[in-house]
Amino acid sequence: MTKTRPSFTDAFKREAVALLEGSGRPLEHVARELGLQASVLRYRPR
């Protein structure tokens, strides 16, 4: 059985980054608030 990766809208991505940058809170706290794993918010260059 394969798992599909969740897809996020551009608006959600922008809001998540703004929340992370503007809150001053640790990445793990913001991720938990959004119902995400912390690794989802970490920057991964392509």
C-alpha atoms as a PDB file:
ATOM      1  CA  MET A   1       0.000   0.000   0.000  1.00  0.00           C
ATOM      2  CA  THR A   2       1.470   3.364  -0.969  1.00  0.00           C
ATOM      3  CA  LYS A   3       0.962   6.621   0.847  1.00  0.00           C
ATOM      4  CA  THR A   4       0.333   9.806  -1.066  1.00  0.00           C
ATOM      5  CA  ARG A   5       1.995  13.015  -0.025  1.00  0.00           C
ATOM      6  CA  PRO A   6      -0.335  15.787   1.074  1.00  0.00           C
ATOM      7  CA  SER A   7      -0.492  18.789  -1.187  1.00  0.00           C
ATOM      8  CA  PHE A   8      -0.800  22.294   0.155  1.00  0.00           C
ATOM      9  CA  THR A   9      -2.118  25.367  -1.581  1.00  0.00           C
ATOM     10  CA  ASP A  10       0.222  28.275  -2.238  1.00  0.00           C
ATOM     11  CA  ALA A  11      -1.839  30.378   0.153  1.00  0.00           C
ATOM     12  CA  PHE A  12      -1.419  27.824   2.956  1.00  0.00           C
ATOM     13  CA  LYS A  13       2.336  27.705   2.333  1.00  0.00           C
ATOM     14  CA  ARG A  14       2.626  31.496   2.470  1.00  0.00           C
ATOM     15  CA  GLU A  15       0.588  31.690   5.662  1.00  0.00           C
ATOM     16  CA  ALA A  16       2.581  28.903   7.319  1.00  0.00           C
ATOM     17  CA  VAL A  17       5.892  30.605   6.519  1.00  0.00           C
ATOM     18  CA  ALA A  18       4.592  33.983   7.694  1.00  0.00           C
ATOM     19  CA  LEU A  19       3.392  32.423  10.947  1.00  0.00           C
ATOM     20  CA  LEU A  20       6.727  30.715  11.482  1.00  0.00           C
ATOM     21  CA  GLU A  21       8.797  33.813  10.722  1.00  0.00           C
ATOM     22  CA  GLY A  22       6.586  36.276  12.538  1.00  0.00           C
ATOM     23  CA  SER A  23       5.795  34.360  15.693  1.00  0.00           C
ATOM     24  CA  GLY A  24       9.296  33.873  17.075  1.00  0.00           C
ATOM     25  CA  ARG A  25       8.196  30.454  18.278  1.00  0.00           C
ATOM     26  CA  PRO A  26      10.139  27.258  17.616  1.00  0.00           C
ATOM     27  CA  LEU A  27       9.432  25.478  14.358  1.00  0.00           C
ATOM     28  CA  GLU A  28       8.118  22.425  16.223  1.00  0.00           C
ATOM     29  CA  HIS A  29       5.467  24.505  18.009  1.00  0.00           C
ATOM     30  CA  VAL A  30       4.216  26.145  14.828  1.00  0.00           C
ATOM     31  CA  ALA A  31       4.142  22.814  13.005  1.00  0.00           C
ATOM     32  CA  ARG A  32       2.142  21.205  15.807  1.00  0.00           C
ATOM     33  CA  GLU A  33      -0.312  24.129  15.769  1.00  0.00           C
ATOM     34  CA  LEU A  34      -0.845  23.588  12.037  1.00  0.00           C
ATOM     35  CA  GLY A  35      -1.183  19.821  12.456  1.00  0.00           C
ATOM     36  CA  LEU A  36       2.032  19.139  10.535  1.00  0.00           C
ATOM     37  CA  GLN A  37       5.293  17.346  11.117  1.00  0.00           C
ATOM     38  CA  ALA A  38       8.164  19.784  11.717  1.00  0.00           C
ATOM     39  CA  SER A  39       9.985  18.396   8.688  1.00  0.00           C
ATOM     40  CA  VAL A  40       7.240  19.765   6.443  1.00  0.00           C
ATOM     41  CA  LEU A  41       8.152  23.342   7.385  1.00  0.00           C
ATOM     42  CA  ARG A  42      11.892  22.952   7.078  1.00  0.00           C
ATOM     43  CA  TYR A  43      13.436  24.523   4.001  1.00  0.00           C
ATOM     44  CA  ARG A  44      14.565  21.955   1.470  1.00  0.00           C
ATOM     45  CA  PRO A  45      16.102  23.428  -1.663  1.00  0.00           C
ATOM     46  CA  ARG A  46      15.284  21.618  -4.868  1.00  0.00           C
END
